[in-house]
Amino acid sequence: MSPSRIGAAGHRAATLAPPWQNGAVATKRKTITIAVNGAEYLELEAGAREAGLTLPAYVRSRAGLAPWPMREIERQQGAAPPGPPRLAGQSGHVMAMDRLRVKIETTEAELAGLVDQAQAGVDGVALSVPQYVRTRCGFQVRPTSLPNTEERDREVDDAWERLRRLGLKPEEYFPPDLSPELPPDPPAI
């Protein structure tokens, strides 16, 4: 045995050939970024927790994709899988109208399928892939939402109701100037 193959403790070093040398085909990853507000993020987070998945894996499953295809491909090719994906920079209290992004990775084939589905559209209207994935997650198509517009008012109302459905107190997730004027909850019977 050559000295270069012996580790510091005298053990034989394990050498793995790169996947392409084992006859495996390298799989290229494509990233899709979905824009969500804080209320939508909290709903995705609750669904992911309930399903026992990370948030990106949960979004993949809602989009009709397998939650962990990359790990399965890498396992088959002998590569070490990466750690669980994380939403970068998220810590602390999320506010309802915070602008957040969720990134999911797809294979080229998965992306091509999503492109076809997005072009077929929803209700006869073609969408971008991120907007299509939003609809698969149960969210409205929201190309823009500028402050002081009717669209923003609808987004605020939607976020308020979404937080209520999650069993949260919406007023804790809005600054006082953005809380919609909604009637109080009906008294419990």
Protein backbone atom coordinates (compact mmCIF):
# COMPACT_ATOMS: atom_id res chain seq x y z
CA MET A 1 0.00 0.00 0.00
CA SER A 2 1.44 3.39 -0.93
CA PRO A 3 1.98 5.95 1.85
CA SER A 4 -0.34 8.43 0.14
CA ARG A 5 -3.26 6.03 0.66
CA ILE A 6 -2.69 5.76 4.42
CA GLY A 7 -4.29 8.35 6.72
CA ALA A 8 -2.72 9.91 9.82
CA ALA A 9 -4.08 7.13 12.05
CA GLY A 10 -2.65 4.48 9.73
CA HIS A 11 -6.05 3.62 8.22
CA ARG A 12 -6.57 3.20 4.53
CA ALA A 13 -8.18 6.37 3.12
CA ALA A 14 -11.47 5.85 1.36
CA THR A 15 -11.44 7.22 -2.14
CA LEU A 16 -14.59 7.72 -4.11
CA ALA A 17 -14.49 8.41 -7.79
CA PRO A 18 -16.53 11.41 -8.91
CA PRO A 19 -20.07 10.41 -10.00
CA TRP A 20 -19.35 10.94 -13.72
CA GLN A 21 -16.55 8.34 -13.55
CA ASN A 22 -18.97 5.74 -12.15
CA GLY A 23 -21.15 6.01 -15.24
CA ALA A 24 -23.69 8.29 -13.54
CA VAL A 25 -25.06 11.27 -15.36
CA ALA A 26 -24.55 14.59 -13.60
CA THR A 27 -27.83 16.29 -12.80
CA LYS A 28 -27.93 20.04 -13.18
CA ARG A 29 -29.93 21.97 -10.63
CA LYS A 30 -32.15 24.91 -11.45
CA THR A 31 -33.37 27.30 -8.78
CA ILE A 32 -36.87 28.80 -8.68
CA THR A 33 -37.47 31.74 -6.34
CA ILE A 34 -41.01 32.30 -5.10
CA ALA A 35 -41.92 35.67 -3.56
CA VAL A 36 -44.22 35.48 -0.55
CA ASN A 37 -45.36 37.85 2.15
CA GLY A 38 -44.90 37.09 5.83
CA ALA A 39 -48.40 35.64 6.29
CA GLU A 40 -47.93 33.30 3.32
CA TYR A 41 -44.53 32.30 4.70
CA LEU A 42 -46.07 31.46 8.08
CA GLU A 43 -48.70 29.31 6.35
CA LEU A 44 -46.00 27.46 4.38
CA GLU A 45 -43.96 27.03 7.54
CA ALA A 46 -46.97 25.55 9.39
CA GLY A 47 -47.66 23.16 6.51
CA ALA A 48 -44.01 22.10 6.33
CA ARG A 49 -43.91 21.48 10.09
CA GLU A 50 -47.10 19.40 9.89
CA ALA A 51 -45.72 17.39 6.97
CA GLY A 52 -42.33 16.90 8.63
CA LEU A 53 -40.51 18.62 5.76
CA THR A 54 -38.28 21.63 5.36
CA LEU A 55 -39.99 24.64 3.86
CA PRO A 56 -38.41 24.23 0.38
CA ALA A 57 -39.28 20.51 0.35
CA TYR A 58 -42.86 21.37 1.30
CA VAL A 59 -43.12 23.95 -1.51
CA ARG A 60 -41.74 21.34 -3.95
CA SER A 61 -44.43 18.89 -2.83
CA ARG A 62 -47.16 21.54 -3.23
CA ALA A 63 -45.84 22.19 -6.76
CA GLY A 64 -46.39 18.51 -7.59
CA LEU A 65 -42.72 17.51 -7.31
CA ALA A 66 -41.08 14.94 -5.05
CA PRO A 67 -39.84 16.65 -1.87
CA TRP A 68 -36.23 15.33 -1.99
CA PRO A 69 -35.19 14.31 -5.52
CA MET A 70 -31.68 15.75 -5.32
CA ARG A 71 -30.81 13.74 -2.24
CA GLU A 72 -32.04 10.53 -3.88
CA ILE A 73 -30.04 11.26 -7.04
CA GLU A 74 -26.92 12.08 -5.02
CA ARG A 75 -27.37 8.95 -2.88
CA GLN A 76 -27.58 6.83 -6.02
CA GLN A 77 -24.45 8.49 -7.42
CA GLY A 78 -22.48 8.01 -4.21
CA ALA A 79 -22.14 11.71 -3.41
CA ALA A 80 -22.69 13.00 0.10
CA PRO A 81 -26.05 14.77 0.30
CA PRO A 82 -26.07 18.40 1.41
CA GLY A 83 -27.62 19.43 4.70
CA PRO A 84 -31.28 20.41 4.74
CA PRO A 85 -32.01 23.57 2.74
CA ARG A 86 -32.65 26.66 4.81
CA LEU A 87 -34.32 29.94 4.07
CA ALA A 88 -31.38 32.31 4.38
CA GLY A 89 -31.53 35.22 6.79
CA GLN A 90 -34.73 34.29 8.58
CA SER A 91 -34.75 34.86 12.29
CA GLY A 92 -36.99 36.58 14.76
CA HIS A 93 -40.62 37.58 14.32
CA VAL A 94 -41.99 37.61 10.77
CA MET A 95 -44.44 40.42 10.09
CA ALA A 96 -47.46 39.80 7.83
CA MET A 97 -46.36 42.09 5.02
CA ASP A 98 -42.63 41.28 5.09
CA ARG A 99 -41.28 40.47 1.64
CA LEU A 100 -39.64 37.06 1.70
CA ARG A 101 -38.34 34.57 -0.84
CA VAL A 102 -38.44 30.80 -0.82
CA LYS A 103 -36.01 29.04 -3.14
CA ILE A 104 -36.49 25.53 -4.41
CA GLU A 105 -34.15 23.51 -6.54
CA THR A 106 -35.34 21.44 -9.47
CA THR A 107 -33.78 19.24 -12.09
CA GLU A 108 -33.87 20.45 -15.69
CA ALA A 109 -36.63 17.92 -16.44
CA GLU A 110 -38.74 19.08 -13.49
CA LEU A 111 -38.30 22.70 -14.53
CA ALA A 112 -39.33 21.88 -18.10
CA GLY A 113 -42.50 20.25 -16.77
CA LEU A 114 -43.28 23.28 -14.61
CA VAL A 115 -42.67 25.60 -17.58
CA ASP A 116 -45.18 23.60 -19.65
CA GLN A 117 -47.75 23.72 -16.85
CA ALA A 118 -47.19 27.46 -16.26
CA GLN A 119 -47.57 28.23 -19.96
CA ALA A 120 -50.82 26.24 -20.02
CA GLY A 121 -51.80 28.67 -17.30
CA VAL A 122 -54.43 28.99 -14.67
CA ASP A 123 -57.92 29.89 -15.89
CA GLY A 124 -56.51 30.27 -19.41
CA VAL A 125 -53.82 32.81 -18.42
CA ALA A 126 -50.17 31.83 -18.86
CA LEU A 127 -48.02 32.46 -15.80
CA SER A 128 -44.35 32.65 -14.93
CA VAL A 129 -43.03 29.53 -13.19
CA PRO A 130 -42.75 31.30 -9.79
CA GLN A 131 -46.33 32.60 -10.07
CA TYR A 132 -47.50 29.12 -11.10
CA VAL A 133 -45.81 27.59 -8.04
CA ARG A 134 -47.50 30.27 -5.88
CA THR A 135 -50.90 29.13 -7.19
CA ARG A 136 -50.01 25.50 -6.43
CA CYS A 137 -49.28 26.62 -2.86
CA GLY A 138 -52.78 28.12 -2.66
CA PHE A 139 -51.71 31.76 -3.05
CA GLN A 140 -53.09 34.40 -5.37
CA VAL A 141 -51.24 35.52 -8.47
CA ARG A 142 -49.58 38.72 -7.36
CA PRO A 143 -47.31 40.27 -9.99
CA THR A 144 -47.00 43.55 -8.07
CA SER A 145 -48.35 44.98 -4.86
CA LEU A 146 -47.43 48.62 -4.58
CA PRO A 147 -48.28 50.56 -1.42
CA ASN A 148 -51.49 52.62 -1.41
CA THR A 149 -53.17 50.59 -4.15
CA GLU A 150 -56.27 48.40 -4.21
CA GLU A 151 -54.05 45.40 -4.86
CA ARG A 152 -52.10 46.08 -1.64
CA ASP A 153 -55.37 46.48 0.26
CA ARG A 154 -56.48 43.05 -1.04
CA GLU A 155 -53.11 41.59 -0.02
CA VAL A 156 -53.42 43.04 3.49
CA ASP A 157 -56.96 41.64 3.83
CA ASP A 158 -55.79 38.25 2.52
CA ALA A 159 -52.85 38.21 4.97
CA TRP A 160 -55.16 39.12 7.88
CA GLU A 161 -57.55 36.26 7.06
CA ARG A 162 -54.66 33.83 6.45
CA LEU A 163 -53.26 34.57 9.93
CA ARG A 164 -56.71 34.09 11.48
CA ARG A 165 -57.05 30.70 9.77
CA LEU A 166 -53.67 29.73 11.25
CA GLY A 167 -55.07 30.51 14.72
CA LEU A 168 -52.79 33.54 15.17
CA LYS A 169 -53.71 37.03 16.32
CA PRO A 170 -53.31 39.07 13.13
CA GLU A 171 -52.94 42.38 14.97
CA GLU A 172 -49.61 41.10 16.35
CA TYR A 173 -48.27 40.72 12.79
CA PHE A 174 -49.19 44.16 11.45
CA PRO A 175 -48.00 47.61 12.38
CA PRO A 176 -50.99 49.67 13.64
CA ASP A 177 -51.19 51.73 10.43
CA LEU A 178 -51.66 48.61 8.23
CA SER A 179 -54.28 46.72 10.22
CA PRO A 180 -57.39 46.40 8.07
CA GLU A 181 -60.70 47.67 9.33
CA LEU A 182 -62.42 44.32 9.88
CA PRO A 183 -65.28 43.58 12.23
CA PRO A 184 -64.30 41.89 15.50
CA ASP A 185 -64.51 38.14 15.85
CA PRO A 186 -68.02 36.92 16.71
CA PRO A 187 -68.54 36.00 20.38
CA ALA A 188 -68.00 32.35 21.25
CA ILE A 189 -71.19 30.42 21.86
